[in-house]
Amino acid sequence: MISGLVAIVGRPNVGKSTLFNKLTRTRNALVDDRPGVTRDRLYGTVYLDDERDNGFMLVDTGGFETKGVYFQPFKENLVWEQTEIAVKEADVVLLVLDGKDGVQAHDHELSRYLVKLGKDVIYVVNKIDGLEHHPRIADFYELGVETLVPISSAHGRGTWELVDMIADRLRHHDMLESRKNPHEGTQIALVGRPNAGKSSILNRLLGEERSVVSDVAGTTRDSVDSPLTFNQKPYVIVDTAGVRRRTRITDGLESLCVMRSFQAIERADVVLMVIDAEQNLTDQDARIADLVASQHKPLAIIVNKWDLIKDKTANSARDYEREIKLKLRSLSHVPVLFVSCLENQRVHKIMHVVEALALSSTKRVGTGALNEALRKIVFEHTPALIRAYGKRPKFYYATQVTVRPPTIVIFCNVASEIQESYKRYMTNRLRELLEFGETPLRIIFRGKAEKRQKPGEAPERAVAGGRRDMTAPDRFAVPAIAFRDDLAAENEGGIEWDENTAEFQWEPQGTV
């Protein structure tokens, strides 16, 4: 059972994020030599056993700042406000001290603050990398504490003894709150350019000030996971750093933040791309949307700051949406929602859109209904003649092999020569006829004469929508095991799995 919350606090650049990564065995927290990197509260889980049944929640916080020690570009001390929230809800607080710098005046100030709150505090002296550094610990007893825990979070020295001490302290606390893993549930990634309002949307959806919100572009750095329950279903909203053009990124830290944003897209089940209504859909927004589409992620476009558009008419939203979809021709099925976080307009509709996208992305269609739709599509619009072969494509059989995204394999005589426009037509019609809604479909065409795949060789496949470099590994290829397992339940159309060749052996059952 995951119970208890432990907050890591301290001055900037004392090693709080490094300790967080070490204890959670992740790299979720950004680590950099410059002070003031962490701004938002970052939650993780520390497990006390190999089975991951027991543990506690750990939260990383921004550095303690006052007028004398100030590293953030905000007019108000927004980062400390986030830290205060973490401290007040924590059961145990780790006050991390810098063993190299020695005791600072702000260490005394922070210690007095925690004592005044009556918190259970463990004083941790970091950067004690060896026995020769132990004499440094003596200076910290002037804080008026009896026990100091020397560690080196960078090298892991003393960290697991610290975990045992934390677990022992938590056992002495009555009525510890059981907590859900912040990473379990349908993953929703909030992406977009800097200052589009992603953090504001997150705070509105959660009903609390979860992320730092400021007019300063690039306020969010870490990818912040926040659990949310909607209609009795668990979700995790991931607030990400804004993505600027590559040519405008000159700082290594910003590059790392952008990389984390891309990783959030990869692990997301649904992506919400937030754009600024006043700036309309920019080229950078289009690039982000293309990146999401290339990974076949369900996407919704959230037009924020709609209240700033003056002289709106009854058709303003419709015209605005039409202009967006003209720029994103391959994403005409994507839903567009107009909101205003400042006025709290239509923000509540976002989760309804997310729920519909998540549900449709897990939908399965029976083989019979799928092939009936395929017959209707070909009857309505026959594919063009392939001049190289002097014949038209023939479609033998179709089956859905997996979900997230819904992936359909269509067996045909010639796969590589089918026109891209006809592939897009089939994709759009399958989405309509099979009621997949606004979720993306992935269509894989497999030709009868397709060469057998050699061990270690990337398969050559024609995929509906977009250009593909056939010499590069197909990162979105469906593993053969997926075909085998999903077709085992239906086993129609004469398709059989050959264990010797690790391929499908099949005979056409007529043509569509």
Protein backbone atom coordinates (compact mmCIF):
# COMPACT_ATOMS: atom_id res chain seq x y z
CA MET A 1 0.00 0.00 0.00
CA ILE A 2 1.29 3.46 -0.94
CA SER A 3 0.76 5.62 2.15
CA GLY A 4 2.36 8.74 3.53
CA LEU A 5 3.79 11.81 1.82
CA VAL A 6 7.38 13.01 2.18
CA ALA A 7 8.44 16.45 0.91
CA ILE A 8 12.00 17.41 -0.04
CA VAL A 9 12.82 21.06 0.76
CA GLY A 10 15.94 23.18 0.95
CA ARG A 11 17.82 26.05 -0.59
CA PRO A 12 18.33 26.12 -4.39
CA ASN A 13 21.00 23.81 -5.82
CA VAL A 14 21.56 21.67 -2.72
CA GLY A 15 20.71 18.44 -4.62
CA LYS A 16 16.98 18.00 -3.98
CA SER A 17 16.12 16.83 -7.51
CA THR A 18 19.10 14.47 -7.60
CA LEU A 19 17.90 12.92 -4.34
CA PHE A 20 14.37 12.66 -5.72
CA ASN A 21 15.58 10.76 -8.80
CA LYS A 22 17.76 8.48 -6.67
CA LEU A 23 14.98 7.51 -4.25
CA THR A 24 12.29 7.06 -6.91
CA ARG A 25 14.74 5.31 -9.26
CA THR A 26 13.68 7.56 -12.13
CA ARG A 27 14.97 10.55 -14.07
CA ASN A 28 11.72 12.48 -13.86
CA ALA A 29 13.22 15.54 -12.14
CA LEU A 30 15.39 17.88 -14.16
CA VAL A 31 18.91 18.18 -12.79
CA ASP A 32 21.22 21.05 -13.70
CA ASP A 33 24.15 22.84 -12.08
CA ARG A 34 22.39 26.19 -12.12
CA PRO A 35 20.10 27.03 -9.17
CA GLY A 36 16.34 27.43 -9.44
CA VAL A 37 15.67 24.75 -12.08
CA THR A 38 12.75 23.10 -10.27
CA ARG A 39 9.60 25.22 -10.08
CA ASP A 40 6.57 22.94 -9.82
CA ARG A 41 5.84 20.17 -7.34
CA LEU A 42 6.96 16.86 -8.80
CA TYR A 43 5.51 13.66 -7.33
CA GLY A 44 6.95 10.17 -7.43
CA THR A 45 6.76 6.86 -5.57
CA VAL A 46 9.41 5.23 -3.40
CA TYR A 47 8.86 1.49 -3.10
CA LEU A 48 9.92 -0.44 -0.02
CA ASP A 49 9.84 -3.90 -1.58
CA ASP A 50 10.64 -5.55 -4.90
CA GLU A 51 6.98 -6.40 -5.48
CA ARG A 52 6.11 -2.66 -5.36
CA ASP A 53 3.25 -3.29 -2.98
CA ASN A 54 4.40 -0.95 -0.21
CA GLY A 55 5.92 2.49 -0.30
CA PHE A 56 5.33 6.19 0.13
CA MET A 57 4.90 9.28 -2.03
CA LEU A 58 7.82 11.68 -2.49
CA VAL A 59 7.50 15.25 -3.73
CA ASP A 60 10.32 17.40 -5.08
CA THR A 61 9.98 21.16 -4.60
CA GLY A 62 11.58 24.38 -5.76
CA GLY A 63 14.35 25.99 -3.73
CA PHE A 64 13.61 28.20 -0.73
CA GLU A 65 13.89 31.82 -1.81
CA THR A 66 13.87 35.14 0.01
CA LYS A 67 14.92 38.65 -0.97
CA GLY A 68 18.51 37.72 -0.35
CA VAL A 69 18.39 34.48 -2.31
CA TYR A 70 16.26 34.88 -5.40
CA PHE A 71 16.67 32.91 -8.64
CA GLN A 72 13.29 33.01 -10.38
CA PRO A 73 12.13 35.61 -12.94
CA PHE A 74 8.65 36.06 -11.45
CA LYS A 75 7.45 39.21 -9.71
CA GLU A 76 5.93 37.14 -6.92
CA ASN A 77 7.48 34.18 -5.13
CA LEU A 78 5.29 31.68 -7.00
CA VAL A 79 7.71 28.78 -6.57
CA TRP A 80 7.72 29.10 -2.78
CA GLU A 81 3.91 29.08 -2.80
CA GLN A 82 4.07 25.65 -4.46
CA THR A 83 6.65 24.49 -1.91
CA GLU A 84 4.46 25.64 0.99
CA ILE A 85 1.59 23.53 -0.31
CA ALA A 86 3.83 20.46 -0.39
CA VAL A 87 5.22 21.12 3.10
CA LYS A 88 1.81 21.60 4.70
CA GLU A 89 0.36 18.37 3.28
CA ALA A 90 3.50 16.29 4.00
CA ASP A 91 3.76 13.78 6.84
CA VAL A 92 7.58 13.92 6.92
CA VAL A 93 9.86 16.65 5.57
CA LEU A 94 13.43 16.13 4.37
CA LEU A 95 15.40 19.33 4.90
CA VAL A 96 18.35 18.96 2.53
CA LEU A 97 21.53 20.87 3.47
CA ASP A 98 24.62 21.47 1.33
CA GLY A 99 27.65 19.77 2.87
CA LYS A 100 30.04 21.76 0.69
CA ASP A 101 28.67 25.23 1.40
CA GLY A 102 28.17 24.68 5.12
CA VAL A 103 25.43 26.27 7.21
CA GLN A 104 23.77 29.33 5.64
CA ALA A 105 21.47 31.91 7.18
CA HIS A 106 18.61 30.66 5.04
CA ASP A 107 19.08 27.13 6.44
CA HIS A 108 18.35 28.57 9.88
CA GLU A 109 15.33 30.43 8.53
CA LEU A 110 13.89 27.36 6.82
CA SER A 111 14.53 25.19 9.89
CA ARG A 112 12.66 27.65 12.14
CA TYR A 113 9.78 27.70 9.65
CA LEU A 114 9.43 23.89 9.73
CA VAL A 115 9.65 23.77 13.55
CA LYS A 116 6.96 26.43 13.80
CA LEU A 117 4.67 24.28 11.63
CA GLY A 118 5.32 21.32 13.94
CA LYS A 119 6.54 19.10 11.12
CA ASP A 120 8.42 15.84 11.54
CA VAL A 121 11.74 16.84 9.97
CA ILE A 122 14.73 14.72 8.95
CA TYR A 123 17.86 16.82 8.50
CA VAL A 124 19.88 15.53 5.54
CA VAL A 125 23.40 16.75 4.81
CA ASN A 126 24.05 16.14 1.13
CA LYS A 127 27.30 16.05 -0.88
CA ILE A 128 29.18 14.02 1.76
CA ASP A 129 30.89 11.90 -0.87
CA GLY A 130 33.35 10.09 1.40
CA LEU A 131 34.70 9.63 4.92
CA GLU A 132 37.07 12.55 4.43
CA HIS A 133 34.02 14.86 4.18
CA HIS A 134 32.45 13.78 7.46
CA PRO A 135 34.05 16.60 9.51
CA ARG A 136 31.85 19.03 7.56
CA ILE A 137 28.78 17.62 9.30
CA ALA A 138 29.73 19.12 12.68
CA ASP A 139 28.93 22.67 11.54
CA PHE A 140 25.27 21.77 11.00
CA TYR A 141 24.63 20.94 14.66
CA GLU A 142 24.29 24.67 15.27
CA LEU A 143 20.78 24.28 13.81
CA GLY A 144 19.87 22.79 17.18
CA VAL A 145 19.19 19.23 16.03
CA GLU A 146 20.35 15.95 17.53
CA THR A 147 20.47 13.78 14.42
CA LEU A 148 21.99 14.57 11.03
CA VAL A 149 21.90 12.10 8.13
CA PRO A 150 24.97 12.33 5.87
CA ILE A 151 24.38 11.23 2.27
CA SER A 152 25.66 11.66 -1.26
CA SER A 153 22.63 11.63 -3.54
CA ALA A 154 24.84 11.79 -6.64
CA HIS A 155 26.67 8.58 -5.69
CA GLY A 156 23.90 6.87 -3.70
CA ARG A 157 25.90 6.86 -0.48
CA GLY A 158 23.57 6.58 2.54
CA THR A 159 20.38 7.01 0.50
CA TRP A 160 18.85 3.64 1.30
CA GLU A 161 19.62 4.04 4.99
CA LEU A 162 17.67 7.30 4.62
CA VAL A 163 14.74 5.39 3.10
CA ASP A 164 14.70 3.06 6.11
CA MET A 165 14.66 6.05 8.45
CA ILE A 166 11.76 7.63 6.54
CA ALA A 167 9.78 4.38 6.64
CA ASP A 168 10.37 4.11 10.39
CA ARG A 169 9.16 7.70 10.94
CA LEU A 170 6.03 7.07 8.88
CA ARG A 171 5.16 4.00 10.97
CA HIS A 172 4.84 6.26 14.00
CA HIS A 173 2.27 8.48 12.25
CA ASP A 174 -1.36 7.65 12.85
CA MET A 175 -3.96 7.59 10.06
CA LEU A 176 -1.62 7.92 7.11
CA GLU A 177 -3.55 8.70 3.94
CA SER A 178 -3.46 6.00 1.26
CA ARG A 179 -2.38 7.55 -2.02
CA LYS A 180 -2.84 6.57 -5.63
CA ASN A 181 0.13 6.21 -7.91
CA PRO A 182 0.30 9.53 -9.79
CA HIS A 183 1.28 7.71 -12.98
CA GLU A 184 -1.64 5.24 -13.17
CA GLY A 185 -4.58 6.01 -15.43
CA THR A 186 -5.27 7.27 -18.94
CA GLN A 187 -2.38 9.59 -19.80
CA ILE A 188 -3.30 13.06 -21.11
CA ALA A 189 -0.47 15.25 -22.42
CA LEU A 190 -0.91 19.03 -22.55
CA VAL A 191 1.39 20.30 -25.29
CA GLY A 192 1.89 23.49 -27.26
CA ARG A 193 4.09 26.54 -27.61
CA PRO A 194 5.24 28.54 -24.56
CA ASN A 195 2.70 30.79 -22.86
CA ALA A 196 -0.32 29.23 -24.59
CA GLY A 197 -2.03 28.51 -21.25
CA LYS A 198 -1.31 24.82 -20.65
CA SER A 199 -0.68 25.23 -16.92
CA SER A 200 -3.78 27.38 -16.53
CA ILE A 201 -5.88 24.64 -18.11
CA LEU A 202 -4.32 22.06 -15.79
CA ASN A 203 -5.13 24.16 -12.72
CA ARG A 204 -8.72 24.68 -13.88
CA LEU A 205 -9.27 20.97 -14.49
CA LEU A 206 -7.83 20.01 -11.11
CA GLY A 207 -9.51 22.86 -9.21
CA GLU A 208 -6.24 23.83 -7.49
CA GLU A 209 -3.02 25.74 -8.17
CA ARG A 210 -1.08 22.66 -9.20
CA SER A 211 1.37 24.35 -11.59
CA VAL A 212 3.07 27.71 -11.53
CA VAL A 213 1.27 30.14 -13.87
CA SER A 214 3.03 33.28 -15.05
CA ASP A 215 3.19 35.61 -18.04
CA VAL A 216 6.86 34.65 -18.37
CA ALA A 217 7.23 32.30 -21.33
CA GLY A 218 8.78 28.94 -20.45
CA THR A 219 7.56 28.92 -16.84
CA THR A 220 6.96 25.14 -16.86
CA ARG A 221 10.10 23.02 -17.09
CA ASP A 222 9.41 19.59 -15.65
CA SER A 223 6.69 17.37 -17.10
CA VAL A 224 4.27 17.45 -14.19
CA ASP A 225 1.99 14.41 -13.68
CA SER A 226 -1.29 15.14 -11.89
CA PRO A 227 -3.90 12.42 -11.15
CA LEU A 228 -7.56 13.21 -11.81
CA THR A 229 -10.75 11.17 -11.47
CA PHE A 230 -13.50 11.90 -14.00
CA ASN A 231 -16.71 9.87 -14.21
CA GLN A 232 -15.14 7.36 -11.82
CA LYS A 233 -12.23 6.75 -14.20
CA PRO A 234 -8.56 7.52 -13.39
CA TYR A 235 -6.67 9.97 -15.56
CA VAL A 236 -3.19 11.51 -15.38
CA ILE A 237 -2.76 14.98 -16.84
CA VAL A 238 0.82 15.74 -17.86
CA ASP A 239 1.68 19.43 -18.08
CA THR A 240 4.69 19.88 -20.35
CA ALA A 241 7.18 22.61 -21.20
CA GLY A 242 6.39 24.80 -24.19
CA VAL A 243 7.97 23.76 -27.48
CA ARG A 244 9.62 26.51 -29.52
CA ARG A 245 11.27 26.27 -32.91
CA ARG A 246 14.50 24.33 -32.82
CA THR A 247 16.45 27.30 -34.20
CA ARG A 248 15.34 29.43 -31.25
CA ILE A 249 16.51 26.96 -28.63
CA THR A 250 20.03 27.90 -27.57
CA ASP A 251 20.00 26.66 -23.99
CA GLY A 252 20.78 23.06 -23.10
CA LEU A 253 18.25 23.08 -20.27
CA GLU A 254 15.45 24.15 -22.62
CA SER A 255 16.45 21.38 -25.02
CA LEU A 256 16.08 18.88 -22.20
CA CYS A 257 12.67 20.34 -21.32
CA VAL A 258 11.52 19.98 -24.93
CA MET A 259 12.76 16.41 -25.02
CA ARG A 260 10.67 15.65 -21.92
CA SER A 261 7.65 17.16 -23.73
CA PHE A 262 8.20 14.80 -26.66
CA GLN A 263 8.50 11.86 -24.26
CA ALA A 264 5.17 12.87 -22.70
CA ILE A 265 3.59 12.70 -26.17
CA GLU A 266 5.03 9.23 -26.73
CA ARG A 267 3.55 7.79 -23.54
CA ALA A 268 0.24 9.69 -23.78
CA ASP A 269 -3.07 8.03 -24.57
CA VAL A 270 -4.66 11.38 -25.52
CA VAL A 271 -2.92 14.63 -26.51
CA LEU A 272 -4.39 18.10 -25.97
CA MET A 273 -2.63 20.72 -28.08
CA VAL A 274 -3.22 24.20 -26.65
CA ILE A 275 -2.96 27.22 -28.97
CA ASP A 276 -3.28 30.94 -28.34
CA ALA A 277 -6.49 32.27 -29.92
CA GLU A 278 -4.90 35.64 -30.68
CA GLN A 279 -2.00 34.06 -32.60
CA ASN A 280 -4.07 31.45 -34.42
CA LEU A 281 -2.45 28.20 -35.58
CA THR A 282 1.23 28.92 -36.20
CA ASP A 283 3.72 26.87 -38.19
CA GLN A 284 5.16 25.56 -34.93
CA ASP A 285 1.70 24.44 -33.80
CA ALA A 286 1.33 22.61 -37.12
CA ARG A 287 4.67 20.86 -36.56
CA ILE A 288 3.59 19.71 -33.11
CA ALA A 289 0.28 18.45 -34.53
CA ASP A 290 2.15 16.54 -37.26
CA LEU A 291 4.38 14.98 -34.61
CA VAL A 292 1.33 13.80 -32.68
CA ALA A 293 -0.29 12.50 -35.89
CA SER A 294 2.86 10.59 -36.86
CA GLN A 295 2.51 8.63 -33.61
CA HIS A 296 -1.22 8.03 -34.21
CA LYS A 297 -2.20 9.61 -30.91
CA PRO A 298 -5.79 10.84 -30.36
CA LEU A 299 -5.58 14.62 -30.58
CA ALA A 300 -7.82 17.52 -29.60
CA ILE A 301 -7.02 21.17 -30.30
CA ILE A 302 -7.82 23.54 -27.43
CA VAL A 303 -8.08 27.17 -28.50
CA ASN A 304 -7.37 29.09 -25.30
CA LYS A 305 -7.85 32.81 -24.55
CA TRP A 306 -11.00 32.90 -26.69
CA ASP A 307 -12.23 35.79 -24.55
CA LEU A 308 -9.52 38.03 -26.08
CA ILE A 309 -11.03 37.76 -29.56
CA LYS A 310 -13.01 40.95 -30.10
CA ASP A 311 -16.13 41.49 -32.20
CA LYS A 312 -17.03 37.81 -32.28
CA THR A 313 -20.12 36.71 -34.22
CA ALA A 314 -22.17 33.53 -34.25
CA ASN A 315 -19.89 32.13 -36.98
CA SER A 316 -16.54 33.17 -35.49
CA ALA A 317 -15.76 29.80 -33.93
CA ARG A 318 -16.86 27.92 -37.06
CA ASP A 319 -14.70 30.09 -39.34
CA TYR A 320 -11.75 29.80 -36.95
CA GLU A 321 -12.06 26.01 -36.90
CA ARG A 322 -12.32 25.87 -40.70
CA GLU A 323 -9.10 27.85 -40.99
CA ILE A 324 -7.33 25.47 -38.60
CA LYS A 325 -8.40 22.39 -40.54
CA LEU A 326 -7.38 23.96 -43.85
CA LYS A 327 -3.84 24.14 -42.46
CA LEU A 328 -4.07 20.61 -41.03
CA ARG A 329 -5.65 18.78 -43.96
CA SER A 330 -4.61 15.36 -42.72
CA LEU A 331 -6.24 16.06 -39.33
CA SER A 332 -9.69 17.12 -40.44
CA HIS A 333 -11.23 14.64 -38.00
CA VAL A 334 -9.62 16.30 -34.96
CA PRO A 335 -12.06 18.01 -32.51
CA VAL A 336 -11.53 21.72 -31.79
CA LEU A 337 -12.70 23.28 -28.52
CA PHE A 338 -12.76 27.01 -27.71
CA VAL A 339 -12.10 27.87 -24.06
CA SER A 340 -11.09 30.71 -21.80
CA CYS A 341 -9.28 29.83 -18.59
CA LEU A 342 -9.49 33.40 -17.35
CA GLU A 343 -13.28 33.45 -17.68
CA ASN A 344 -13.62 29.69 -17.01
CA GLN A 345 -15.57 29.23 -20.24
CA ARG A 346 -16.12 25.70 -21.59
CA VAL A 347 -13.09 24.32 -19.72
CA HIS A 348 -15.38 21.69 -18.19
CA LYS A 349 -16.00 20.26 -21.70
CA ILE A 350 -12.37 19.26 -22.13
CA MET A 351 -12.65 16.06 -20.10
CA HIS A 352 -15.75 15.00 -22.01
CA VAL A 353 -13.75 15.28 -25.23
CA VAL A 354 -10.85 13.36 -23.65
CA GLU A 355 -13.18 10.62 -22.43
CA ALA A 356 -14.69 10.18 -25.91
CA LEU A 357 -11.24 10.02 -27.55
CA ALA A 358 -9.91 7.54 -25.00
CA LEU A 359 -12.97 5.33 -25.39
CA SER A 360 -12.90 5.29 -29.19
CA SER A 361 -9.16 4.55 -29.25
CA THR A 362 -9.82 1.26 -27.43
CA LYS A 363 -12.75 0.23 -29.61
CA ARG A 364 -12.66 -3.15 -31.37
CA VAL A 365 -14.66 -4.08 -34.44
CA GLY A 366 -15.56 -7.63 -35.42
CA THR A 367 -14.02 -9.07 -38.57
CA GLY A 368 -17.40 -9.52 -40.23
CA ALA A 369 -18.43 -5.90 -39.78
CA LEU A 370 -14.99 -4.70 -40.87
CA ASN A 371 -15.02 -6.68 -44.11
CA GLU A 372 -18.58 -5.59 -44.86
CA ALA A 373 -17.43 -1.98 -44.53
CA LEU A 374 -14.44 -2.75 -46.78
CA ARG A 375 -16.74 -4.14 -49.48
CA LYS A 376 -18.94 -1.06 -49.31
CA ILE A 377 -15.96 1.28 -49.57
CA VAL A 378 -14.57 -0.46 -52.65
CA PHE A 379 -18.04 -0.61 -54.23
CA GLU A 380 -18.53 3.13 -53.73
CA HIS A 381 -15.14 4.07 -55.15
CA THR A 382 -13.04 1.56 -57.09
CA PRO A 383 -9.26 2.02 -56.82
CA ALA A 384 -7.40 3.35 -59.82
CA LEU A 385 -5.72 1.06 -62.36
CA ILE A 386 -2.08 0.24 -61.62
CA ARG A 387 -0.39 0.76 -64.96
CA ALA A 388 2.78 -1.08 -64.01
CA TYR A 389 0.77 -4.25 -63.46
CA GLY A 390 -2.12 -3.59 -65.82
CA LYS A 391 -4.67 -4.34 -63.09
CA ARG A 392 -6.46 -2.81 -60.13
CA PRO A 393 -5.72 -3.52 -56.47
CA LYS A 394 -7.74 -6.39 -55.04
CA PHE A 395 -8.58 -6.46 -51.34
CA TYR A 396 -8.91 -9.97 -49.92
CA TYR A 397 -9.41 -9.56 -46.21
CA ALA A 398 -9.24 -7.06 -43.34
CA THR A 399 -8.94 -7.48 -39.59
CA GLN A 400 -8.30 -5.29 -36.57
CA VAL A 401 -5.18 -6.42 -34.78
CA THR A 402 -4.78 -4.00 -31.87
CA VAL A 403 -6.01 -0.82 -30.20
CA ARG A 404 -4.44 2.47 -29.07
CA PRO A 405 -4.48 3.27 -31.89
CA PRO A 406 -7.05 1.02 -33.57
CA THR A 407 -4.93 -0.77 -36.17
CA ILE A 408 -6.43 -2.51 -39.19
CA VAL A 409 -4.51 -4.78 -41.54
CA ILE A 410 -5.84 -5.12 -45.09
CA PHE A 411 -4.49 -8.01 -47.15
CA CYS A 412 -4.35 -7.26 -50.86
CA ASN A 413 -2.58 -8.31 -54.04
CA VAL A 414 -0.30 -5.26 -54.36
CA ALA A 415 0.29 -2.98 -51.37
CA SER A 416 3.07 -0.62 -52.44
CA GLU A 417 1.30 0.67 -55.57
CA ILE A 418 -1.96 1.82 -53.99
CA GLN A 419 -2.36 5.59 -54.34
CA GLU A 420 -1.93 7.65 -51.19
CA SER A 421 -5.17 9.49 -51.92
CA TYR A 422 -7.04 6.17 -52.00
CA LYS A 423 -5.46 5.14 -48.69
CA ARG A 424 -6.68 8.39 -47.10
CA TYR A 425 -10.12 7.79 -48.59
CA MET A 426 -10.28 4.28 -47.12
CA THR A 427 -9.08 5.52 -43.73
CA ASN A 428 -11.70 8.26 -43.53
CA ARG A 429 -14.53 6.02 -44.72
CA LEU A 430 -13.58 3.24 -42.29
CA ARG A 431 -13.66 5.78 -39.47
CA GLU A 432 -17.15 6.89 -40.54
CA LEU A 433 -18.68 3.48 -41.24
CA LEU A 434 -17.27 1.78 -38.14
CA GLU A 435 -17.98 4.80 -35.89
CA PHE A 436 -14.47 5.29 -34.60
CA GLY A 437 -15.35 8.92 -34.00
CA GLU A 438 -12.46 11.38 -33.92
CA THR A 439 -9.68 8.96 -33.03
CA PRO A 440 -6.92 8.22 -35.59
CA LEU A 441 -6.88 4.92 -37.45
CA ARG A 442 -3.75 3.13 -38.53
CA ILE A 443 -4.18 1.12 -41.72
CA ILE A 444 -1.50 -1.35 -42.78
CA PHE A 445 -1.65 -2.82 -46.28
CA ARG A 446 0.04 -6.19 -46.76
CA GLY A 447 0.66 -7.42 -50.29
CA LYS A 448 0.43 -11.03 -51.40
CA ALA A 449 3.91 -10.96 -52.89
CA GLU A 450 5.47 -9.10 -49.95
CA LYS A 451 8.98 -10.40 -49.37
CA ARG A 452 9.64 -12.37 -46.25
CA GLN A 453 11.30 -10.48 -43.46
CA LYS A 454 14.82 -11.54 -42.57
CA PRO A 455 15.95 -11.58 -38.92
CA GLY A 456 16.88 -8.07 -37.85
CA GLU A 457 15.48 -6.49 -41.03
CA ALA A 458 12.91 -3.70 -40.86
CA PRO A 459 9.64 -4.73 -42.55
CA GLU A 460 8.58 -2.80 -45.65
CA ARG A 461 5.01 -1.71 -45.17
CA ALA A 462 2.73 0.80 -46.80
CA VAL A 463 0.94 2.76 -44.11
CA ALA A 464 -2.01 5.04 -44.74
CA GLY A 465 -1.24 8.72 -44.35
CA GLY A 466 2.14 10.40 -44.54
CA ARG A 467 5.46 9.58 -46.21
CA ARG A 468 7.76 6.92 -44.86
CA ASP A 469 11.45 6.23 -45.32
CA MET A 470 11.45 2.53 -46.18
CA THR A 471 15.15 2.22 -45.34
CA ALA A 472 14.58 3.24 -41.72
CA PRO A 473 13.20 0.94 -38.99
CA ASP A 474 9.42 1.09 -38.76
CA ARG A 475 8.90 2.21 -35.16
CA PHE A 476 5.14 1.88 -35.51
CA ALA A 477 5.18 -1.60 -37.05
CA VAL A 478 2.77 -4.02 -35.36
CA PRO A 479 4.70 -7.01 -34.00
CA ALA A 480 3.82 -10.35 -35.55
CA ILE A 481 2.88 -11.61 -32.08
CA ALA A 482 0.09 -9.02 -32.03
CA PHE A 483 -1.36 -10.45 -35.23
CA ARG A 484 -1.08 -13.98 -33.89
CA ASP A 485 -2.75 -13.29 -30.55
CA ASP A 486 -5.54 -11.07 -31.88
CA LEU A 487 -6.41 -13.34 -34.79
CA ALA A 488 -6.39 -16.49 -32.70
CA ALA A 489 -9.82 -15.65 -31.31
CA GLU A 490 -11.34 -15.14 -34.74
CA ASN A 491 -9.24 -17.35 -37.09
CA GLU A 492 -11.25 -16.46 -40.16
CA GLY A 493 -10.31 -16.06 -43.79
CA GLY A 494 -7.89 -18.98 -43.89
CA ILE A 495 -5.13 -17.15 -42.00
CA GLU A 496 -2.87 -19.40 -39.93
CA TRP A 497 0.27 -18.66 -37.96
CA ASP A 498 3.31 -20.69 -39.04
CA GLU A 499 5.62 -21.21 -36.06
CA ASN A 500 8.48 -22.39 -38.32
CA THR A 501 8.64 -19.31 -40.54
CA ALA A 502 7.21 -16.88 -37.91
CA GLU A 503 4.83 -15.60 -40.57
CA PHE A 504 1.20 -15.81 -41.56
CA GLN A 505 0.23 -18.41 -44.11
CA TRP A 506 -3.02 -17.48 -45.79
CA GLU A 507 -5.10 -18.15 -48.84
CA PRO A 508 -7.36 -15.50 -50.44
CA GLN A 509 -11.03 -16.22 -49.76
CA GLY A 510 -12.23 -14.28 -52.79
CA THR A 511 -11.83 -10.58 -53.44
CA VAL A 512 -13.70 -7.47 -52.42
